[in-house]
Amino acid sequence: MDKFEYNCDLLKTTRESKKIAAHSIAVDICLAERQIKSLEENSLQYFPSQSIKYVALKKYIAALGLKIDDVIVNINQADPIPILLKKK
């Protein structure tokens, strides 16, 4: 799977502007604080695969109240979830 692109700076600035601690949002969406930091730094560290990182990123985007299209570049081409797992 190719690496997908997203605006990691928007994630961090949105979280900080809403005065939400990384630990707090991590608990809310069942992630570790280090995974939140990893998403904000566009790092694969602390994720076993790109697909798992992608799912965590989508949860984080929703928790921040952002639109997925505003964060992930070319969302229709970047989706790493195999076609067999998608609902028809």
PDB file of N, CA and C in Angstrom:
ATOM      1  N   MET A   1       0.831  -1.183   0.000  1.00  0.00           N
ATOM      2  CA  MET A   1       0.000   0.000   0.000  1.00  0.00           C
ATOM      3  C   MET A   1       0.869   1.236   0.000  1.00  0.00           C
ATOM      4  N   ASP A   2       0.512   2.200  -0.818  1.00  0.00           N
ATOM      5  CA  ASP A   2       1.244   3.455  -0.849  1.00  0.00           C
ATOM      6  C   ASP A   2       0.881   4.294   0.368  1.00  0.00           C
ATOM      7  N   LYS A   3       1.804   5.134   0.746  1.00  0.00           N
ATOM      8  CA  LYS A   3       1.572   6.016   1.882  1.00  0.00           C
ATOM      9  C   LYS A   3       0.554   7.085   1.475  1.00  0.00           C
ATOM     10  N   PHE A   4      -0.445   7.309   2.305  1.00  0.00           N
ATOM     11  CA  PHE A   4      -1.429   8.334   2.013  1.00  0.00           C
ATOM     12  C   PHE A   4      -0.972   9.662   2.618  1.00  0.00           C
ATOM     13  N   GLU A   5      -1.442  10.754   2.034  1.00  0.00           N
ATOM     14  CA  GLU A   5      -1.043  12.079   2.485  1.00  0.00           C
ATOM     15  C   GLU A   5      -2.196  12.743   3.241  1.00  0.00           C
ATOM     16  N   TYR A   6      -1.824  13.449   4.302  1.00  0.00           N
ATOM     17  CA  TYR A   6      -2.832  14.197   5.043  1.00  0.00           C
ATOM     18  C   TYR A   6      -2.186  15.403   5.716  1.00  0.00           C
ATOM     19  N   ASN A   7      -3.025  16.346   6.117  1.00  0.00           N
ATOM     20  CA  ASN A   7      -2.568  17.587   6.726  1.00  0.00           C
ATOM     21  C   ASN A   7      -2.422  17.383   8.234  1.00  0.00           C
ATOM     22  N   CYS A   8      -1.243  16.950   8.651  1.00  0.00           N
ATOM     23  CA  CYS A   8      -1.025  16.664  10.072  1.00  0.00           C
ATOM     24  C   CYS A   8      -1.003  17.949  10.909  1.00  0.00           C
ATOM     25  N   ASP A   9      -0.585  19.063  10.301  1.00  0.00           N
ATOM     26  CA  ASP A   9      -0.560  20.333  11.034  1.00  0.00           C
ATOM     27  C   ASP A   9      -1.971  20.784  11.412  1.00  0.00           C
ATOM     28  N   LEU A  10      -2.938  20.537  10.522  1.00  0.00           N
ATOM     29  CA  LEU A  10      -4.328  20.902  10.803  1.00  0.00           C
ATOM     30  C   LEU A  10      -4.859  20.143  12.016  1.00  0.00           C
ATOM     31  N   LEU A  11      -4.471  18.879  12.154  1.00  0.00           N
ATOM     32  CA  LEU A  11      -4.913  18.086  13.303  1.00  0.00           C
ATOM     33  C   LEU A  11      -4.444  18.714  14.609  1.00  0.00           C
ATOM     34  N   LYS A  12      -3.153  19.003  14.681  1.00  0.00           N
ATOM     35  CA  LYS A  12      -2.586  19.539  15.922  1.00  0.00           C
ATOM     36  C   LYS A  12      -3.120  20.935  16.226  1.00  0.00           C
ATOM     37  N   THR A  13      -3.171  21.805  15.220  1.00  0.00           N
ATOM     38  CA  THR A  13      -3.647  23.172  15.478  1.00  0.00           C
ATOM     39  C   THR A  13      -5.120  23.180  15.878  1.00  0.00           C
ATOM     40  N   THR A  14      -5.914  22.298  15.284  1.00  0.00           N
ATOM     41  CA  THR A  14      -7.330  22.208  15.664  1.00  0.00           C
ATOM     42  C   THR A  14      -7.476  21.727  17.100  1.00  0.00           C
ATOM     43  N   ARG A  15      -6.731  20.680  17.451  1.00  0.00           N
ATOM     44  CA  ARG A  15      -6.804  20.163  18.826  1.00  0.00           C
ATOM     45  C   ARG A  15      -6.381  21.233  19.827  1.00  0.00           C
ATOM     46  N   GLU A  16      -5.289  21.923  19.534  1.00  0.00           N
ATOM     47  CA  GLU A  16      -4.790  22.953  20.456  1.00  0.00           C
ATOM     48  C   GLU A  16      -5.731  24.159  20.525  1.00  0.00           C
ATOM     49  N   SER A  17      -6.334  24.539  19.399  1.00  0.00           N
ATOM     50  CA  SER A  17      -7.248  25.686  19.407  1.00  0.00           C
ATOM     51  C   SER A  17      -8.517  25.385  20.205  1.00  0.00           C
ATOM     52  N   LYS A  18      -8.886  24.108  20.264  1.00  0.00           N
ATOM     53  CA  LYS A  18     -10.046  23.695  21.056  1.00  0.00           C
ATOM     54  C   LYS A  18      -9.664  23.396  22.503  1.00  0.00           C
ATOM     55  N   LYS A  19      -8.381  23.591  22.802  1.00  0.00           N
ATOM     56  CA  LYS A  19      -7.840  23.375  24.152  1.00  0.00           C
ATOM     57  C   LYS A  19      -8.120  21.951  24.659  1.00  0.00           C
ATOM     58  N   ILE A  20      -7.861  20.983  23.783  1.00  0.00           N
ATOM     59  CA  ILE A  20      -8.031  19.573  24.125  1.00  0.00           C
ATOM     60  C   ILE A  20      -6.650  18.963  24.306  1.00  0.00           C
ATOM     61  N   ALA A  21      -6.429  18.335  25.442  1.00  0.00           N
ATOM     62  CA  ALA A  21      -5.152  17.667  25.690  1.00  0.00           C
ATOM     63  C   ALA A  21      -5.071  16.396  24.842  1.00  0.00           C
ATOM     64  N   ALA A  22      -3.876  16.071  24.386  1.00  0.00           N
ATOM     65  CA  ALA A  22      -3.665  14.868  23.577  1.00  0.00           C
ATOM     66  C   ALA A  22      -4.132  13.628  24.343  1.00  0.00           C
ATOM     67  N   HIS A  23      -3.829  13.583  25.624  1.00  0.00           N
ATOM     68  CA  HIS A  23      -4.236  12.438  26.442  1.00  0.00           C
ATOM     69  C   HIS A  23      -5.763  12.314  26.504  1.00  0.00           C
ATOM     70  N   SER A  24      -6.437  13.433  26.644  1.00  0.00           N
ATOM     71  CA  SER A  24      -7.888  13.442  26.769  1.00  0.00           C
ATOM     72  C   SER A  24      -8.572  12.896  25.513  1.00  0.00           C
ATOM     73  N   ILE A  25      -8.164  13.383  24.355  1.00  0.00           N
ATOM     74  CA  ILE A  25      -8.792  12.913  23.112  1.00  0.00           C
ATOM     75  C   ILE A  25      -8.400  11.469  22.819  1.00  0.00           C
ATOM     76  N   ALA A  26      -7.197  11.094  23.228  1.00  0.00           N
ATOM     77  CA  ALA A  26      -6.766   9.706  23.041  1.00  0.00           C
ATOM     78  C   ALA A  26      -7.678   8.757  23.813  1.00  0.00           C
ATOM     79  N   VAL A  27      -7.983   9.108  25.038  1.00  0.00           N
ATOM     80  CA  VAL A  27      -8.878   8.281  25.861  1.00  0.00           C
ATOM     81  C   VAL A  27     -10.270   8.229  25.228  1.00  0.00           C
ATOM     82  N   ASP A  28     -10.736   9.361  24.726  1.00  0.00           N
ATOM     83  CA  ASP A  28     -12.074   9.425  24.127  1.00  0.00           C
ATOM     84  C   ASP A  28     -12.222   8.511  22.911  1.00  0.00           C
ATOM     85  N   ILE A  29     -11.158   8.349  22.132  1.00  0.00           N
ATOM     86  CA  ILE A  29     -11.267   7.542  20.910  1.00  0.00           C
ATOM     87  C   ILE A  29     -10.482   6.227  20.995  1.00  0.00           C
ATOM     88  N   CYS A  30     -10.149   5.841  22.215  1.00  0.00           N
ATOM     89  CA  CYS A  30      -9.506   4.541  22.477  1.00  0.00           C
ATOM     90  C   CYS A  30      -8.162   4.371  21.765  1.00  0.00           C
ATOM     91  N   LEU A  31      -7.337   5.399  21.837  1.00  0.00           N
ATOM     92  CA  LEU A  31      -5.972   5.343  21.334  1.00  0.00           C
ATOM     93  C   LEU A  31      -5.034   5.713  22.466  1.00  0.00           C
ATOM     94  N   ALA A  32      -3.749   5.483  22.256  1.00  0.00           N
ATOM     95  CA  ALA A  32      -2.741   5.927  23.211  1.00  0.00           C
ATOM     96  C   ALA A  32      -2.326   7.351  22.844  1.00  0.00           C
ATOM     97  N   GLU A  33      -1.903   8.103  23.842  1.00  0.00           N
ATOM     98  CA  GLU A  33      -1.450   9.479  23.588  1.00  0.00           C
ATOM     99  C   GLU A  33      -0.318   9.489  22.564  1.00  0.00           C
ATOM    100  N   ARG A  34       0.565   8.499  22.630  1.00  0.00           N
ATOM    101  CA  ARG A  34       1.684   8.456  21.678  1.00  0.00           C
ATOM    102  C   ARG A  34       1.179   8.245  20.247  1.00  0.00           C
ATOM    103  N   GLN A  35       0.031   7.593  20.079  1.00  0.00           N
ATOM    104  CA  GLN A  35      -0.537   7.424  18.747  1.00  0.00           C
ATOM    105  C   GLN A  35      -1.104   8.745  18.220  1.00  0.00           C
ATOM    106  N   ILE A  36      -1.683   9.535  19.103  1.00  0.00           N
ATOM    107  CA  ILE A  36      -2.163  10.866  18.715  1.00  0.00           C
ATOM    108  C   ILE A  36      -0.981  11.710  18.244  1.00  0.00           C
ATOM    109  N   LYS A  37       0.089  11.704  19.017  1.00  0.00           N
ATOM    110  CA  LYS A  37       1.295  12.454  18.644  1.00  0.00           C
ATOM    111  C   LYS A  37       1.848  11.946  17.313  1.00  0.00           C
ATOM    112  N   SER A  38       1.817  10.642  17.109  1.00  0.00           N
ATOM    113  CA  SER A  38       2.300  10.052  15.866  1.00  0.00           C
ATOM    114  C   SER A  38       1.460  10.530  14.677  1.00  0.00           C
ATOM    115  N   LEU A  39       0.148  10.599  14.844  1.00  0.00           N
ATOM    116  CA  LEU A  39      -0.718  11.114  13.782  1.00  0.00           C
ATOM    117  C   LEU A  39      -0.405  12.577  13.489  1.00  0.00           C
ATOM    118  N   GLU A  40      -0.173  13.359  14.532  1.00  0.00           N
ATOM    119  CA  GLU A  40       0.122  14.782  14.363  1.00  0.00           C
ATOM    120  C   GLU A  40       1.495  15.028  13.747  1.00  0.00           C
ATOM    121  N   GLU A  41       2.355  14.037  13.797  1.00  0.00           N
ATOM    122  CA  GLU A  41       3.694  14.160  13.215  1.00  0.00           C
ATOM    123  C   GLU A  41       3.810  13.391  11.896  1.00  0.00           C
ATOM    124  N   ASN A  42       2.710  12.809  11.435  1.00  0.00           N
ATOM    125  CA  ASN A  42       2.668  12.004  10.221  1.00  0.00           C
ATOM    126  C   ASN A  42       3.718  10.894  10.252  1.00  0.00           C
ATOM    127  N   SER A  43       3.718  10.170  11.351  1.00  0.00           N
ATOM    128  CA  SER A  43       4.660   9.076  11.548  1.00  0.00           C
ATOM    129  C   SER A  43       3.896   7.757  11.633  1.00  0.00           C
ATOM    130  N   LEU A  44       4.512   6.697  11.149  1.00  0.00           N
ATOM    131  CA  LEU A  44       3.895   5.368  11.255  1.00  0.00           C
ATOM    132  C   LEU A  44       4.227   4.717  12.600  1.00  0.00           C
ATOM    133  N   GLN A  45       5.123   5.351  13.342  1.00  0.00           N
ATOM    134  CA  GLN A  45       5.516   4.794  14.641  1.00  0.00           C
ATOM    135  C   GLN A  45       4.280   4.619  15.522  1.00  0.00           C
ATOM    136  N   TYR A  46       4.240   3.526  16.253  1.00  0.00           N
ATOM    137  CA  TYR A  46       3.159   3.151  17.172  1.00  0.00           C
ATOM    138  C   TYR A  46       1.915   2.597  16.471  1.00  0.00           C
ATOM    139  N   PHE A  47       2.000   2.375  15.153  1.00  0.00           N
ATOM    140  CA  PHE A  47       0.926   1.718  14.413  1.00  0.00           C
ATOM    141  C   PHE A  47       1.512   0.507  13.706  1.00  0.00           C
ATOM    142  N   PRO A  48       0.873  -0.663  13.824  1.00  0.00           N
ATOM    143  CA  PRO A  48       1.425  -1.860  13.197  1.00  0.00           C
ATOM    144  C   PRO A  48       1.319  -1.872  11.671  1.00  0.00           C
ATOM    145  N   SER A  49       0.425  -1.047  11.114  1.00  0.00           N
ATOM    146  CA  SER A  49       0.285  -0.995   9.661  1.00  0.00           C
ATOM    147  C   SER A  49      -0.327   0.339   9.238  1.00  0.00           C
ATOM    148  N   GLN A  50      -0.208   0.630   7.934  1.00  0.00           N
ATOM    149  CA  GLN A  50      -0.814   1.849   7.389  1.00  0.00           C
ATOM    150  C   GLN A  50      -2.331   1.794   7.510  1.00  0.00           C
ATOM    151  N   SER A  51      -2.911   0.628   7.316  1.00  0.00           N
ATOM    152  CA  SER A  51      -4.368   0.500   7.385  1.00  0.00           C
ATOM    153  C   SER A  51      -4.900   0.838   8.772  1.00  0.00           C
ATOM    154  N   ILE A  52      -4.207   0.383   9.796  1.00  0.00           N
ATOM    155  CA  ILE A  52      -4.623   0.685  11.172  1.00  0.00           C
ATOM    156  C   ILE A  52      -4.426   2.167  11.472  1.00  0.00           C
ATOM    157  N   LYS A  53      -3.352   2.737  10.973  1.00  0.00           N
ATOM    158  CA  LYS A  53      -3.128   4.175  11.139  1.00  0.00           C
ATOM    159  C   LYS A  53      -4.244   4.953  10.450  1.00  0.00           C
ATOM    160  N   TYR A  54      -4.649   4.515   9.271  1.00  0.00           N
ATOM    161  CA  TYR A  54      -5.703   5.180   8.517  1.00  0.00           C
ATOM    162  C   TYR A  54      -7.022   5.187   9.290  1.00  0.00           C
ATOM    163  N   VAL A  55      -7.366   4.069   9.874  1.00  0.00           N
ATOM    164  CA  VAL A  55      -8.610   3.979  10.659  1.00  0.00           C
ATOM    165  C   VAL A  55      -8.528   4.900  11.882  1.00  0.00           C
ATOM    166  N   ALA A  56      -7.383   4.913  12.559  1.00  0.00           N
ATOM    167  CA  ALA A  56      -7.185   5.800  13.713  1.00  0.00           C
ATOM    168  C   ALA A  56      -7.279   7.259  13.283  1.00  0.00           C
ATOM    169  N   LEU A  57      -6.705   7.579  12.128  1.00  0.00           N
ATOM    170  CA  LEU A  57      -6.758   8.942  11.615  1.00  0.00           C
ATOM    171  C   LEU A  57      -8.198   9.375  11.360  1.00  0.00           C
ATOM    172  N   LYS A  58      -9.001   8.497  10.771  1.00  0.00           N
ATOM    173  CA  LYS A  58     -10.397   8.833  10.521  1.00  0.00           C
ATOM    174  C   LYS A  58     -11.154   9.070  11.829  1.00  0.00           C
ATOM    175  N   LYS A  59     -10.876   8.265  12.850  1.00  0.00           N
ATOM    176  CA  LYS A  59     -11.505   8.471  14.157  1.00  0.00           C
ATOM    177  C   LYS A  59     -11.091   9.812  14.754  1.00  0.00           C
ATOM    178  N   TYR A  60      -9.821  10.143  14.608  1.00  0.00           N
ATOM    179  CA  TYR A  60      -9.286  11.401  15.161  1.00  0.00           C
ATOM    180  C   TYR A  60      -9.899  12.603  14.435  1.00  0.00           C
ATOM    181  N   ILE A  61     -10.001  12.520  13.122  1.00  0.00           N
ATOM    182  CA  ILE A  61     -10.608  13.603  12.342  1.00  0.00           C
ATOM    183  C   ILE A  61     -12.048  13.835  12.802  1.00  0.00           C
ATOM    184  N   ALA A  62     -12.808  12.766  12.963  1.00  0.00           N
ATOM    185  CA  ALA A  62     -14.204  12.871  13.407  1.00  0.00           C
ATOM    186  C   ALA A  62     -14.286  13.461  14.818  1.00  0.00           C
ATOM    187  N   ALA A  63     -13.411  13.031  15.706  1.00  0.00           N
ATOM    188  CA  ALA A  63     -13.426  13.524  17.091  1.00  0.00           C
ATOM    189  C   ALA A  63     -13.121  15.018  17.158  1.00  0.00           C
ATOM    190  N   LEU A  64     -12.321  15.502  16.214  1.00  0.00           N
ATOM    191  CA  LEU A  64     -12.002  16.933  16.184  1.00  0.00           C
ATOM    192  C   LEU A  64     -13.078  17.756  15.479  1.00  0.00           C
ATOM    193  N   GLY A  65     -14.034  17.073  14.856  1.00  0.00           N
ATOM    194  CA  GLY A  65     -15.111  17.773  14.152  1.00  0.00           C
ATOM    195  C   GLY A  65     -14.687  18.313  12.795  1.00  0.00           C
ATOM    196  N   LEU A  66     -13.650  17.718  12.216  1.00  0.00           N
ATOM    197  CA  LEU A  66     -13.174  18.153  10.909  1.00  0.00           C
ATOM    198  C   LEU A  66     -13.803  17.308   9.811  1.00  0.00           C
ATOM    199  N   LYS A  67     -13.757  17.815   8.592  1.00  0.00           N
ATOM    200  CA  LYS A  67     -14.210  17.056   7.435  1.00  0.00           C
ATOM    201  C   LYS A  67     -13.036  16.245   6.909  1.00  0.00           C
ATOM    202  N   ILE A  68     -13.287  14.997   6.606  1.00  0.00           N
ATOM    203  CA  ILE A  68     -12.219  14.110   6.147  1.00  0.00           C
ATOM    204  C   ILE A  68     -11.569  14.650   4.867  1.00  0.00           C
ATOM    205  N   ASP A  69     -12.363  15.273   3.998  1.00  0.00           N
ATOM    206  CA  ASP A  69     -11.837  15.820   2.750  1.00  0.00           C
ATOM    207  C   ASP A  69     -10.885  16.990   2.982  1.00  0.00           C
ATOM    208  N   ASP A  70     -11.044  17.684   4.106  1.00  0.00           N
ATOM    209  CA  ASP A  70     -10.157  18.805   4.425  1.00  0.00           C
ATOM    210  C   ASP A  70      -8.814  18.347   4.965  1.00  0.00           C
ATOM    211  N   VAL A  71      -8.742  17.102   5.414  1.00  0.00           N
ATOM    212  CA  VAL A  71      -7.518  16.609   6.049  1.00  0.00           C
ATOM    213  C   VAL A  71      -6.747  15.644   5.138  1.00  0.00           C
ATOM    214  N   ILE A  72      -7.437  14.673   4.577  1.00  0.00           N
ATOM    215  CA  ILE A  72      -6.770  13.662   3.752  1.00  0.00           C
ATOM    216  C   ILE A  72      -6.782  14.098   2.291  1.00  0.00           C
ATOM    217  N   VAL A  73      -5.607  14.114   1.685  1.00  0.00           N
ATOM    218  CA  VAL A  73      -5.452  14.510   0.290  1.00  0.00           C
ATOM    219  C   VAL A  73      -5.902  13.357  -0.608  1.00  0.00           C
ATOM    220  N   ASN A  74      -6.724  13.665  -1.603  1.00  0.00           N
ATOM    221  CA  ASN A  74      -7.215  12.659  -2.553  1.00  0.00           C
ATOM    222  C   ASN A  74      -7.803  11.450  -1.831  1.00  0.00           C
ATOM    223  N   ILE A  75      -8.782  11.680  -0.999  1.00  0.00           N
ATOM    224  CA  ILE A  75      -9.361  10.643  -0.156  1.00  0.00           C
ATOM    225  C   ILE A  75      -9.816   9.426  -0.957  1.00  0.00           C
ATOM    226  N   ASN A  76     -10.367   9.618  -2.131  1.00  0.00           N
ATOM    227  CA  ASN A  76     -10.870   8.483  -2.916  1.00  0.00           C
ATOM    228  C   ASN A  76      -9.753   7.593  -3.438  1.00  0.00           C
ATOM    229  N   GLN A  77      -8.585   8.162  -3.653  1.00  0.00           N
ATOM    230  CA  GLN A  77      -7.451   7.387  -4.140  1.00  0.00           C
ATOM    231  C   GLN A  77      -6.600   6.857  -3.001  1.00  0.00           C
ATOM    232  N   ALA A  78      -6.682   7.471  -1.843  1.00  0.00           N
ATOM    233  CA  ALA A  78      -5.795   7.135  -0.730  1.00  0.00           C
ATOM    234  C   ALA A  78      -6.321   6.023   0.164  1.00  0.00           C
ATOM    235  N   ASP A  79      -7.598   5.733   0.092  1.00  0.00           N
ATOM    236  CA  ASP A  79      -8.217   4.777   1.014  1.00  0.00           C
ATOM    237  C   ASP A  79      -7.512   3.414   0.942  1.00  0.00           C
ATOM    238  N   PRO A  80      -6.787   3.029   2.007  1.00  0.00           N
ATOM    239  CA  PRO A  80      -6.020   1.792   1.980  1.00  0.00           C
ATOM    240  C   PRO A  80      -6.796   0.549   2.400  1.00  0.00           C
ATOM    241  N   ILE A  81      -8.063   0.704   2.732  1.00  0.00           N
ATOM    242  CA  ILE A  81      -8.828  -0.450   3.175  1.00  0.00           C
ATOM    243  C   ILE A  81      -9.175  -1.292   1.952  1.00  0.00           C
ATOM    244  N   PRO A  82      -8.788  -2.548   1.965  1.00  0.00           N
ATOM    245  CA  PRO A  82      -9.021  -3.406   0.793  1.00  0.00           C
ATOM    246  C   PRO A  82     -10.471  -3.428   0.369  1.00  0.00           C
ATOM    247  N   ILE A  83     -10.688  -3.476  -0.909  1.00  0.00           N
ATOM    248  CA  ILE A  83     -12.020  -3.452  -1.492  1.00  0.00           C
ATOM    249  C   ILE A  83     -12.915  -4.570  -0.946  1.00  0.00           C
ATOM    250  N   LEU A  84     -12.325  -5.703  -0.591  1.00  0.00           N
ATOM    251  CA  LEU A  84     -13.120  -6.810  -0.070  1.00  0.00           C
ATOM    252  C   LEU A  84     -13.707  -6.525   1.301  1.00  0.00           C
ATOM    253  N   LEU A  85     -13.125  -5.588   2.029  1.00  0.00           N
ATOM    254  CA  LEU A  85     -13.629  -5.264   3.363  1.00  0.00           C
ATOM    255  C   LEU A  85     -14.698  -4.173   3.353  1.00  0.00           C
ATOM    256  N   LYS A  86     -14.858  -3.505   2.219  1.00  0.00           N
ATOM    257  CA  LYS A  86     -15.826  -2.412   2.139  1.00  0.00           C
ATOM    258  C   LYS A  86     -17.226  -2.967   1.931  1.00  0.00           C
ATOM    259  N   LYS A  87     -18.194  -2.268   2.540  1.00  0.00           N
ATOM    260  CA  LYS A  87     -19.591  -2.649   2.354  1.00  0.00           C
ATOM    261  C   LYS A  87     -20.027  -2.286   0.952  1.00  0.00           C
ATOM    262  N   LYS A  88     -20.873  -3.103   0.393  1.00  0.00           N
ATOM    263  CA  LYS A  88     -21.395  -2.818  -0.958  1.00  0.00           C
ATOM    264  C   LYS A  88     -22.695  -2.074  -0.873  1.00  0.00           C
TER     265      LYS A  88
END
